[in-house]
Amino acid sequence: MSRLIQAALAAVPLLLTPLLFYALAEGVVNLGGGEKDILVTLPWLIWSIVFAGSAFVLIRRGWPIGRWTPRSALLATGLLLGLGAIAYFVSLLGVA
């Protein structure tokens, strides 16, 4: 599979972010939280940026799709969980 096709596949979650935001804002997708549903796009956006960035680096290094996909997803998920844990502990301290 060519690197260009792999890069396009890695960018799909990032390219779907505006569509998700639009669907939540217009009420096409309803998660039951009202306007707070739109906040779902922030973790999705962070995850997709990290996924695409790490995938682009690994694709550039010549990794096959079977290796860069799980590694990029694991890195993006771990970073998002880490940011969530940091936000949780900061909220416990009452700093912000």
N, C-alpha and C. Protein backbone atom coordinates (compact mmCIF):
# COMPACT_ATOMS: atom_id res chain seq x y z
N MET A 1 0.86 -1.17 0.00
CA MET A 1 0.00 0.00 0.00
C MET A 1 0.91 1.23 0.00
N SER A 2 0.58 2.19 -0.84
CA SER A 2 1.45 3.36 -0.96
C SER A 2 1.35 4.25 0.29
N ARG A 3 2.39 5.05 0.48
CA ARG A 3 2.42 5.94 1.64
C ARG A 3 1.33 7.00 1.57
N LEU A 4 0.98 7.42 0.37
CA LEU A 4 -0.06 8.44 0.22
C LEU A 4 -1.42 7.91 0.67
N ILE A 5 -1.73 6.69 0.31
CA ILE A 5 -3.00 6.08 0.74
C ILE A 5 -3.00 5.88 2.25
N GLN A 6 -1.88 5.44 2.79
CA GLN A 6 -1.78 5.26 4.23
C GLN A 6 -1.95 6.59 4.96
N ALA A 7 -1.35 7.65 4.44
CA ALA A 7 -1.49 8.96 5.07
C ALA A 7 -2.94 9.44 5.00
N ALA A 8 -3.62 9.16 3.90
CA ALA A 8 -5.03 9.53 3.80
C ALA A 8 -5.87 8.76 4.81
N LEU A 9 -5.57 7.49 5.00
CA LEU A 9 -6.28 6.70 6.00
C LEU A 9 -6.01 7.20 7.42
N ALA A 10 -4.79 7.65 7.67
CA ALA A 10 -4.45 8.16 9.00
C ALA A 10 -5.16 9.48 9.28
N ALA A 11 -5.48 10.23 8.23
CA ALA A 11 -6.13 11.53 8.40
C ALA A 11 -7.65 11.45 8.48
N VAL A 12 -8.22 10.29 8.26
CA VAL A 12 -9.69 10.16 8.26
C VAL A 12 -10.34 10.62 9.56
N PRO A 13 -9.86 10.20 10.75
CA PRO A 13 -10.51 10.70 11.98
C PRO A 13 -10.44 12.21 12.12
N LEU A 14 -9.33 12.79 11.71
CA LEU A 14 -9.18 14.24 11.78
C LEU A 14 -10.12 14.94 10.80
N LEU A 15 -10.30 14.35 9.65
CA LEU A 15 -11.20 14.94 8.65
C LEU A 15 -12.67 14.77 9.02
N LEU A 16 -12.98 13.80 9.84
CA LEU A 16 -14.37 13.58 10.26
C LEU A 16 -14.78 14.45 11.45
N THR A 17 -13.84 15.13 12.07
CA THR A 17 -14.13 15.97 13.23
C THR A 17 -15.14 17.07 12.93
N PRO A 18 -14.98 17.84 11.83
CA PRO A 18 -16.01 18.86 11.54
C PRO A 18 -17.38 18.26 11.29
N LEU A 19 -17.43 17.08 10.69
CA LEU A 19 -18.71 16.42 10.46
C LEU A 19 -19.36 16.02 11.78
N LEU A 20 -18.58 15.52 12.71
CA LEU A 20 -19.10 15.18 14.03
C LEU A 20 -19.61 16.41 14.76
N PHE A 21 -18.83 17.49 14.70
CA PHE A 21 -19.24 18.74 15.34
C PHE A 21 -20.55 19.24 14.74
N TYR A 22 -20.66 19.21 13.44
CA TYR A 22 -21.88 19.67 12.76
C TYR A 22 -23.08 18.79 13.15
N ALA A 23 -22.87 17.48 13.16
CA ALA A 23 -23.97 16.57 13.51
C ALA A 23 -24.45 16.79 14.94
N LEU A 24 -23.54 17.05 15.86
CA LEU A 24 -23.93 17.32 17.24
C LEU A 24 -24.59 18.68 17.38
N ALA A 25 -24.08 19.68 16.66
CA ALA A 25 -24.63 21.03 16.77
C ALA A 25 -26.03 21.12 16.17
N GLU A 26 -26.26 20.40 15.09
CA GLU A 26 -27.57 20.45 14.42
C GLU A 26 -28.58 19.47 15.01
N GLY A 27 -28.16 18.62 15.91
CA GLY A 27 -29.08 17.68 16.54
C GLY A 27 -29.27 16.39 15.76
N VAL A 28 -28.47 16.17 14.73
CA VAL A 28 -28.56 14.90 13.98
C VAL A 28 -28.14 13.75 14.89
N VAL A 29 -27.11 13.98 15.68
CA VAL A 29 -26.66 13.02 16.69
C VAL A 29 -26.98 13.63 18.05
N ASN A 30 -27.70 12.89 18.87
CA ASN A 30 -28.08 13.39 20.18
C ASN A 30 -27.59 12.41 21.24
N LEU A 31 -26.68 12.87 22.08
CA LEU A 31 -26.15 12.03 23.14
C LEU A 31 -26.84 12.27 24.47
N GLY A 32 -27.86 13.10 24.49
CA GLY A 32 -28.65 13.34 25.68
C GLY A 32 -28.13 14.43 26.59
N GLY A 33 -27.11 15.16 26.18
CA GLY A 33 -26.54 16.19 27.04
C GLY A 33 -26.83 17.60 26.60
N GLY A 34 -27.64 17.76 25.58
CA GLY A 34 -27.94 19.10 25.08
C GLY A 34 -26.72 19.74 24.46
N GLU A 35 -26.46 20.99 24.84
CA GLU A 35 -25.32 21.71 24.27
C GLU A 35 -23.99 21.11 24.70
N LYS A 36 -23.98 20.39 25.81
CA LYS A 36 -22.74 19.78 26.30
C LYS A 36 -22.26 18.66 25.38
N ASP A 37 -23.12 18.18 24.51
CA ASP A 37 -22.71 17.15 23.56
C ASP A 37 -21.57 17.64 22.67
N ILE A 38 -21.55 18.93 22.38
CA ILE A 38 -20.52 19.47 21.50
C ILE A 38 -19.14 19.32 22.13
N LEU A 39 -19.09 19.27 23.47
CA LEU A 39 -17.80 19.10 24.14
C LEU A 39 -17.17 17.73 23.87
N VAL A 40 -17.96 16.81 23.33
CA VAL A 40 -17.42 15.49 22.96
C VAL A 40 -16.38 15.64 21.86
N THR A 41 -16.52 16.67 21.05
CA THR A 41 -15.58 16.83 19.94
C THR A 41 -14.18 17.22 20.40
N LEU A 42 -14.02 17.80 21.58
CA LEU A 42 -12.69 18.19 22.05
C LEU A 42 -11.79 16.97 22.28
N PRO A 43 -12.22 15.95 23.05
CA PRO A 43 -11.36 14.76 23.17
C PRO A 43 -11.16 14.05 21.82
N TRP A 44 -12.21 14.03 20.99
CA TRP A 44 -12.09 13.42 19.67
C TRP A 44 -11.04 14.16 18.85
N LEU A 45 -11.04 15.50 18.91
CA LEU A 45 -10.09 16.30 18.16
C LEU A 45 -8.66 16.05 18.65
N ILE A 46 -8.47 16.03 19.96
CA ILE A 46 -7.14 15.77 20.51
C ILE A 46 -6.65 14.38 20.09
N TRP A 47 -7.53 13.39 20.21
CA TRP A 47 -7.16 12.03 19.85
C TRP A 47 -6.79 11.94 18.37
N SER A 48 -7.60 12.55 17.53
CA SER A 48 -7.35 12.43 16.09
C SER A 48 -6.10 13.18 15.66
N ILE A 49 -5.78 14.31 16.32
CA ILE A 49 -4.55 15.03 15.99
C ILE A 49 -3.33 14.20 16.37
N VAL A 50 -3.34 13.61 17.56
CA VAL A 50 -2.21 12.79 18.00
C VAL A 50 -2.11 11.54 17.14
N PHE A 51 -3.23 10.92 16.83
CA PHE A 51 -3.23 9.73 15.98
C PHE A 51 -2.64 10.03 14.62
N ALA A 52 -3.12 11.10 13.99
CA ALA A 52 -2.63 11.45 12.65
C ALA A 52 -1.16 11.83 12.70
N GLY A 53 -0.76 12.60 13.69
CA GLY A 53 0.64 13.02 13.79
C GLY A 53 1.58 11.85 13.96
N SER A 54 1.26 10.96 14.88
CA SER A 54 2.14 9.81 15.09
C SER A 54 2.09 8.86 13.90
N ALA A 55 0.94 8.73 13.27
CA ALA A 55 0.84 7.87 12.09
C ALA A 55 1.68 8.43 10.94
N PHE A 56 1.65 9.74 10.75
CA PHE A 56 2.45 10.34 9.68
C PHE A 56 3.94 10.08 9.90
N VAL A 57 4.39 10.19 11.15
CA VAL A 57 5.80 9.94 11.46
C VAL A 57 6.14 8.48 11.18
N LEU A 58 5.30 7.57 11.62
CA LEU A 58 5.58 6.15 11.43
C LEU A 58 5.48 5.74 9.96
N ILE A 59 4.55 6.34 9.23
CA ILE A 59 4.45 6.06 7.79
C ILE A 59 5.70 6.56 7.08
N ARG A 60 6.16 7.72 7.48
CA ARG A 60 7.37 8.30 6.87
C ARG A 60 8.58 7.40 7.12
N ARG A 61 8.60 6.73 8.27
CA ARG A 61 9.71 5.82 8.58
C ARG A 61 9.56 4.47 7.89
N GLY A 62 8.46 4.26 7.18
CA GLY A 62 8.29 3.05 6.40
C GLY A 62 7.60 1.90 7.11
N TRP A 63 6.89 2.18 8.20
CA TRP A 63 6.19 1.11 8.91
C TRP A 63 4.98 0.66 8.10
N PRO A 64 4.67 -0.63 8.12
CA PRO A 64 3.46 -1.10 7.43
C PRO A 64 2.20 -0.73 8.23
N ILE A 65 1.07 -0.77 7.56
CA ILE A 65 -0.19 -0.33 8.17
C ILE A 65 -0.55 -1.17 9.40
N GLY A 66 -0.18 -2.43 9.40
CA GLY A 66 -0.48 -3.29 10.54
C GLY A 66 0.30 -2.95 11.79
N ARG A 67 1.37 -2.20 11.65
CA ARG A 67 2.16 -1.81 12.82
C ARG A 67 1.87 -0.39 13.26
N TRP A 68 1.70 0.56 12.31
CA TRP A 68 1.51 1.95 12.75
C TRP A 68 0.10 2.22 13.26
N THR A 69 -0.89 1.47 12.79
CA THR A 69 -2.26 1.73 13.23
C THR A 69 -2.45 1.47 14.73
N PRO A 70 -2.11 0.28 15.25
CA PRO A 70 -2.30 0.08 16.69
C PRO A 70 -1.38 0.94 17.55
N ARG A 71 -0.17 1.20 17.06
CA ARG A 71 0.75 2.02 17.85
C ARG A 71 0.25 3.46 17.94
N SER A 72 -0.24 3.99 16.84
CA SER A 72 -0.74 5.36 16.85
C SER A 72 -2.00 5.46 17.70
N ALA A 73 -2.88 4.47 17.60
CA ALA A 73 -4.11 4.48 18.41
C ALA A 73 -3.78 4.36 19.89
N LEU A 74 -2.81 3.52 20.22
CA LEU A 74 -2.41 3.36 21.63
C LEU A 74 -1.78 4.64 22.16
N LEU A 75 -0.94 5.28 21.38
CA LEU A 75 -0.32 6.53 21.81
C LEU A 75 -1.37 7.62 22.01
N ALA A 76 -2.30 7.75 21.07
CA ALA A 76 -3.33 8.78 21.17
C ALA A 76 -4.25 8.52 22.36
N THR A 77 -4.63 7.27 22.58
CA THR A 77 -5.50 6.94 23.71
C THR A 77 -4.77 7.15 25.03
N GLY A 78 -3.51 6.75 25.09
CA GLY A 78 -2.74 6.95 26.32
C GLY A 78 -2.56 8.42 26.65
N LEU A 79 -2.28 9.23 25.63
CA LEU A 79 -2.14 10.66 25.88
C LEU A 79 -3.45 11.26 26.36
N LEU A 80 -4.56 10.86 25.75
CA LEU A 80 -5.86 11.39 26.17
C LEU A 80 -6.19 10.97 27.59
N LEU A 81 -5.90 9.73 27.95
CA LEU A 81 -6.13 9.27 29.32
C LEU A 81 -5.22 10.01 30.30
N GLY A 82 -3.98 10.25 29.89
CA GLY A 82 -3.06 11.00 30.74
C GLY A 82 -3.53 12.43 30.97
N LEU A 83 -3.99 13.07 29.91
CA LEU A 83 -4.52 14.43 30.07
C LEU A 83 -5.76 14.45 30.95
N GLY A 84 -6.60 13.42 30.81
CA GLY A 84 -7.78 13.32 31.67
C GLY A 84 -7.40 13.12 33.13
N ALA A 85 -6.39 12.30 33.37
CA ALA A 85 -5.94 12.07 34.75
C ALA A 85 -5.34 13.34 35.34
N ILE A 86 -4.57 14.07 34.55
CA ILE A 86 -4.01 15.33 35.03
C ILE A 86 -5.11 16.32 35.35
N ALA A 87 -6.11 16.42 34.46
CA ALA A 87 -7.22 17.33 34.71
C ALA A 87 -7.99 16.94 35.97
N TYR A 88 -8.14 15.63 36.19
CA TYR A 88 -8.84 15.16 37.38
C TYR A 88 -8.09 15.53 38.65
N PHE A 89 -6.78 15.29 38.68
CA PHE A 89 -6.01 15.59 39.88
C PHE A 89 -5.89 17.09 40.12
N VAL A 90 -5.84 17.87 39.07
CA VAL A 90 -5.82 19.32 39.24
C VAL A 90 -7.16 19.79 39.82
N SER A 91 -8.25 19.16 39.38
CA SER A 91 -9.55 19.55 39.94
C SER A 91 -9.68 19.15 41.41
N LEU A 92 -9.02 18.07 41.81
CA LEU A 92 -9.02 17.68 43.21
C LEU A 92 -8.25 18.68 44.08
N LEU A 93 -7.21 19.27 43.53
CA LEU A 93 -6.42 20.25 44.27
C LEU A 93 -7.14 21.58 44.42
N GLY A 94 -8.12 21.81 43.55
CA GLY A 94 -8.85 23.07 43.60
C GLY A 94 -8.05 24.24 43.06
N VAL A 95 -7.09 23.97 42.20
CA VAL A 95 -6.21 25.00 41.65
C VAL A 95 -6.97 25.86 40.65
N ALA A 96 -7.72 25.22 39.78
CA ALA A 96 -8.40 25.98 38.73
C ALA A 96 -9.85 26.20 39.02
